[in-house]
Amino acid sequence: MMHTAVGWHVELEFTEDDQHTRAVALVRLPDGTEVRAHGHATRHRVDSNQPRVGEEIAGARALNELAMQLLTKAHDEIDAESGRTSHTINV
């Protein structure tokens, strides 16, 4: 049996100010679909300004949303192919 290696590249971009970090995650799938998701983090006023921490939180939230969108896409494709409602895909 031959195995084919497939790779996906996920891009994360951040915009920040003193209080907020916003992240956008993007993946381009082999079928040409682009899936995009957003995450957000807000620094509490008593916390020190640590942009890396805001990026980690906002990035994680964007990646989590991206994962949920990919699961929904897979579910929809299974349902369309089979003509029935598929079982829940566990994370």
N, C-alpha and C. Protein backbone atom coordinates (compact mmCIF):
# COMPACT_ATOMS: atom_id res chain seq x y z
N MET A 1 0.85 -1.18 0.00
CA MET A 1 0.00 0.00 0.00
C MET A 1 0.89 1.24 0.00
N MET A 2 0.55 2.21 -0.84
CA MET A 2 1.32 3.45 -0.93
C MET A 2 0.67 4.53 -0.08
N HIS A 3 1.47 5.24 0.66
CA HIS A 3 0.98 6.35 1.47
C HIS A 3 1.38 7.66 0.81
N THR A 4 0.47 8.61 0.85
CA THR A 4 0.74 9.93 0.29
C THR A 4 0.87 10.92 1.43
N ALA A 5 1.94 11.67 1.42
CA ALA A 5 2.13 12.71 2.43
C ALA A 5 1.40 13.97 1.99
N VAL A 6 0.61 14.50 2.89
CA VAL A 6 -0.13 15.72 2.64
C VAL A 6 0.23 16.70 3.75
N GLY A 7 0.43 17.95 3.42
CA GLY A 7 0.72 18.95 4.44
C GLY A 7 -0.20 20.13 4.33
N TRP A 8 -0.55 20.66 5.47
CA TRP A 8 -1.32 21.90 5.52
C TRP A 8 -0.46 22.92 6.23
N HIS A 9 -0.50 24.14 5.75
CA HIS A 9 0.21 25.23 6.41
C HIS A 9 -0.85 26.17 7.00
N VAL A 10 -0.75 26.38 8.28
CA VAL A 10 -1.66 27.29 8.97
C VAL A 10 -0.92 28.60 9.21
N GLU A 11 -1.56 29.69 8.83
CA GLU A 11 -0.99 31.02 9.04
C GLU A 11 -1.71 31.69 10.20
N LEU A 12 -0.94 32.34 11.06
CA LEU A 12 -1.49 33.13 12.15
C LEU A 12 -0.96 34.55 12.02
N GLU A 13 -1.87 35.51 12.07
CA GLU A 13 -1.48 36.92 12.05
C GLU A 13 -2.12 37.61 13.25
N PHE A 14 -1.38 38.58 13.82
CA PHE A 14 -1.84 39.26 15.01
C PHE A 14 -1.88 40.76 14.79
N THR A 15 -2.86 41.41 15.42
CA THR A 15 -2.88 42.85 15.55
C THR A 15 -3.04 43.15 17.04
N GLU A 16 -2.32 44.17 17.51
CA GLU A 16 -2.30 44.42 18.94
C GLU A 16 -2.32 45.92 19.24
N ASP A 17 -2.89 46.24 20.40
CA ASP A 17 -2.70 47.55 20.99
C ASP A 17 -2.36 47.30 22.46
N ASP A 18 -2.42 48.33 23.29
CA ASP A 18 -2.02 48.17 24.69
C ASP A 18 -2.89 47.19 25.47
N GLN A 19 -4.13 47.03 25.08
CA GLN A 19 -5.07 46.22 25.85
C GLN A 19 -5.54 44.95 25.13
N HIS A 20 -5.49 44.94 23.81
CA HIS A 20 -6.13 43.86 23.05
C HIS A 20 -5.17 43.21 22.06
N THR A 21 -5.36 41.92 21.89
CA THR A 21 -4.66 41.18 20.84
C THR A 21 -5.71 40.43 20.04
N ARG A 22 -5.65 40.57 18.73
CA ARG A 22 -6.56 39.84 17.84
C ARG A 22 -5.71 38.94 16.96
N ALA A 23 -6.19 37.72 16.76
CA ALA A 23 -5.49 36.76 15.92
C ALA A 23 -6.42 36.29 14.81
N VAL A 24 -5.84 36.06 13.64
CA VAL A 24 -6.56 35.45 12.53
C VAL A 24 -5.76 34.21 12.13
N ALA A 25 -6.44 33.07 12.09
CA ALA A 25 -5.83 31.82 11.64
C ALA A 25 -6.42 31.47 10.28
N LEU A 26 -5.57 31.02 9.38
CA LEU A 26 -6.01 30.69 8.02
C LEU A 26 -5.33 29.41 7.58
N VAL A 27 -6.12 28.50 7.02
CA VAL A 27 -5.56 27.30 6.41
C VAL A 27 -6.17 27.16 5.02
N ARG A 28 -5.33 26.84 4.05
CA ARG A 28 -5.79 26.57 2.68
C ARG A 28 -5.73 25.07 2.47
N LEU A 29 -6.88 24.48 2.18
CA LEU A 29 -6.99 23.03 2.04
C LEU A 29 -6.72 22.61 0.60
N PRO A 30 -6.33 21.34 0.41
CA PRO A 30 -6.03 20.85 -0.94
C PRO A 30 -7.19 20.99 -1.93
N ASP A 31 -8.45 21.04 -1.42
CA ASP A 31 -9.60 21.20 -2.32
C ASP A 31 -9.82 22.65 -2.73
N GLY A 32 -8.92 23.55 -2.30
CA GLY A 32 -9.03 24.96 -2.66
C GLY A 32 -9.78 25.80 -1.64
N THR A 33 -10.36 25.16 -0.65
CA THR A 33 -11.10 25.87 0.39
C THR A 33 -10.14 26.60 1.32
N GLU A 34 -10.52 27.81 1.70
CA GLU A 34 -9.80 28.53 2.75
C GLU A 34 -10.71 28.59 3.96
N VAL A 35 -10.17 28.20 5.11
CA VAL A 35 -10.91 28.28 6.36
C VAL A 35 -10.21 29.32 7.23
N ARG A 36 -10.96 30.28 7.70
CA ARG A 36 -10.41 31.40 8.48
C ARG A 36 -11.17 31.50 9.80
N ALA A 37 -10.42 31.76 10.88
CA ALA A 37 -11.03 31.89 12.20
C ALA A 37 -10.33 33.01 12.97
N HIS A 38 -11.02 33.51 13.98
CA HIS A 38 -10.52 34.64 14.76
C HIS A 38 -10.44 34.30 16.24
N GLY A 39 -9.50 34.92 16.92
CA GLY A 39 -9.39 34.81 18.37
C GLY A 39 -9.05 36.17 18.94
N HIS A 40 -9.35 36.36 20.21
CA HIS A 40 -9.17 37.67 20.84
C HIS A 40 -8.70 37.47 22.27
N ALA A 41 -7.86 38.36 22.73
CA ALA A 41 -7.44 38.39 24.14
C ALA A 41 -7.43 39.83 24.61
N THR A 42 -7.81 40.03 25.86
CA THR A 42 -7.81 41.36 26.46
C THR A 42 -6.96 41.33 27.72
N ARG A 43 -6.02 42.26 27.81
CA ARG A 43 -5.15 42.35 28.99
C ARG A 43 -5.89 43.06 30.11
N HIS A 44 -5.91 42.45 31.28
CA HIS A 44 -6.49 43.11 32.45
C HIS A 44 -5.62 44.30 32.82
N ARG A 45 -6.22 45.37 33.24
CA ARG A 45 -5.50 46.62 33.48
C ARG A 45 -4.41 46.50 34.54
N VAL A 46 -4.51 45.53 35.47
CA VAL A 46 -3.47 45.40 36.50
C VAL A 46 -2.32 44.49 36.06
N ASP A 47 -2.49 43.78 34.93
CA ASP A 47 -1.43 42.90 34.44
C ASP A 47 -0.38 43.70 33.67
N SER A 48 0.86 43.22 33.71
CA SER A 48 1.91 43.88 32.94
C SER A 48 1.69 43.62 31.46
N ASN A 49 2.24 44.50 30.63
CA ASN A 49 2.07 44.38 29.18
C ASN A 49 3.04 43.32 28.65
N GLN A 50 2.50 42.14 28.32
CA GLN A 50 3.29 41.04 27.80
C GLN A 50 2.66 40.59 26.48
N PRO A 51 3.02 41.23 25.36
CA PRO A 51 2.39 40.92 24.07
C PRO A 51 2.42 39.44 23.72
N ARG A 52 3.49 38.73 24.07
CA ARG A 52 3.60 37.32 23.72
C ARG A 52 2.46 36.51 24.35
N VAL A 53 2.11 36.84 25.60
CA VAL A 53 1.03 36.13 26.28
C VAL A 53 -0.30 36.38 25.57
N GLY A 54 -0.55 37.62 25.19
CA GLY A 54 -1.78 37.94 24.45
C GLY A 54 -1.83 37.19 23.13
N GLU A 55 -0.68 37.07 22.45
CA GLU A 55 -0.62 36.33 21.19
C GLU A 55 -0.93 34.85 21.42
N GLU A 56 -0.38 34.29 22.50
CA GLU A 56 -0.62 32.87 22.78
C GLU A 56 -2.10 32.61 23.04
N ILE A 57 -2.73 33.48 23.81
CA ILE A 57 -4.15 33.29 24.13
C ILE A 57 -5.01 33.51 22.89
N ALA A 58 -4.82 34.63 22.20
CA ALA A 58 -5.61 34.92 21.00
C ALA A 58 -5.36 33.86 19.93
N GLY A 59 -4.10 33.45 19.77
CA GLY A 59 -3.76 32.42 18.79
C GLY A 59 -4.42 31.09 19.11
N ALA A 60 -4.39 30.70 20.37
CA ALA A 60 -5.03 29.45 20.77
C ALA A 60 -6.53 29.49 20.51
N ARG A 61 -7.14 30.61 20.79
CA ARG A 61 -8.59 30.74 20.55
C ARG A 61 -8.91 30.69 19.06
N ALA A 62 -8.07 31.31 18.25
CA ALA A 62 -8.29 31.25 16.80
C ALA A 62 -8.10 29.83 16.28
N LEU A 63 -7.08 29.13 16.77
CA LEU A 63 -6.84 27.74 16.33
C LEU A 63 -7.97 26.82 16.79
N ASN A 64 -8.50 27.06 17.99
CA ASN A 64 -9.63 26.27 18.47
C ASN A 64 -10.84 26.47 17.57
N GLU A 65 -11.12 27.71 17.22
CA GLU A 65 -12.24 28.00 16.32
C GLU A 65 -12.00 27.38 14.94
N LEU A 66 -10.76 27.42 14.47
CA LEU A 66 -10.41 26.79 13.19
C LEU A 66 -10.69 25.30 13.24
N ALA A 67 -10.31 24.66 14.34
CA ALA A 67 -10.56 23.23 14.50
C ALA A 67 -12.06 22.92 14.45
N MET A 68 -12.86 23.74 15.12
CA MET A 68 -14.32 23.51 15.12
C MET A 68 -14.90 23.67 13.72
N GLN A 69 -14.40 24.65 12.97
CA GLN A 69 -14.88 24.84 11.60
C GLN A 69 -14.50 23.66 10.71
N LEU A 70 -13.29 23.11 10.90
CA LEU A 70 -12.85 21.96 10.11
C LEU A 70 -13.70 20.72 10.44
N LEU A 71 -14.03 20.54 11.73
CA LEU A 71 -14.90 19.42 12.10
C LEU A 71 -16.28 19.56 11.47
N THR A 72 -16.83 20.77 11.47
CA THR A 72 -18.13 21.02 10.85
C THR A 72 -18.07 20.74 9.35
N LYS A 73 -17.00 21.18 8.70
CA LYS A 73 -16.81 20.94 7.26
C LYS A 73 -16.76 19.44 6.97
N ALA A 74 -16.02 18.71 7.79
CA ALA A 74 -15.93 17.26 7.60
C ALA A 74 -17.29 16.60 7.78
N HIS A 75 -18.03 17.01 8.81
CA HIS A 75 -19.38 16.49 9.05
C HIS A 75 -20.27 16.73 7.84
N ASP A 76 -20.26 17.95 7.35
CA ASP A 76 -21.10 18.30 6.20
C ASP A 76 -20.75 17.47 4.97
N GLU A 77 -19.45 17.21 4.76
CA GLU A 77 -19.03 16.41 3.61
C GLU A 77 -19.44 14.95 3.77
N ILE A 78 -19.33 14.42 4.99
CA ILE A 78 -19.77 13.04 5.25
C ILE A 78 -21.27 12.92 4.98
N ASP A 79 -22.03 13.89 5.49
CA ASP A 79 -23.49 13.87 5.31
C ASP A 79 -23.88 13.98 3.84
N ALA A 80 -23.20 14.86 3.11
CA ALA A 80 -23.51 15.05 1.69
C ALA A 80 -23.21 13.78 0.90
N GLU A 81 -22.11 13.12 1.21
CA GLU A 81 -21.72 11.91 0.50
C GLU A 81 -22.62 10.72 0.83
N SER A 82 -22.99 10.61 2.10
CA SER A 82 -23.73 9.42 2.55
C SER A 82 -25.25 9.60 2.44
N GLY A 83 -25.70 10.86 2.39
CA GLY A 83 -27.14 11.11 2.34
C GLY A 83 -27.82 10.92 3.69
N ARG A 84 -27.05 10.88 4.73
CA ARG A 84 -27.63 10.73 6.08
C ARG A 84 -26.87 11.63 7.05
N THR A 85 -27.37 11.74 8.26
CA THR A 85 -26.70 12.52 9.29
C THR A 85 -25.65 11.64 9.95
N SER A 86 -24.42 12.10 9.96
CA SER A 86 -23.31 11.32 10.51
C SER A 86 -23.27 11.41 12.02
N HIS A 87 -22.53 10.49 12.61
CA HIS A 87 -22.31 10.50 14.05
C HIS A 87 -21.42 11.69 14.41
N THR A 88 -21.55 12.16 15.63
CA THR A 88 -20.74 13.27 16.11
C THR A 88 -19.26 12.90 16.03
N ILE A 89 -18.45 13.83 15.53
CA ILE A 89 -17.01 13.64 15.49
C ILE A 89 -16.45 14.23 16.77
N ASN A 90 -15.81 13.39 17.56
CA ASN A 90 -15.26 13.84 18.85
C ASN A 90 -13.92 14.53 18.67
N VAL A 91 -13.68 15.48 19.54
CA VAL A 91 -12.41 16.21 19.52
C VAL A 91 -11.48 15.53 20.50
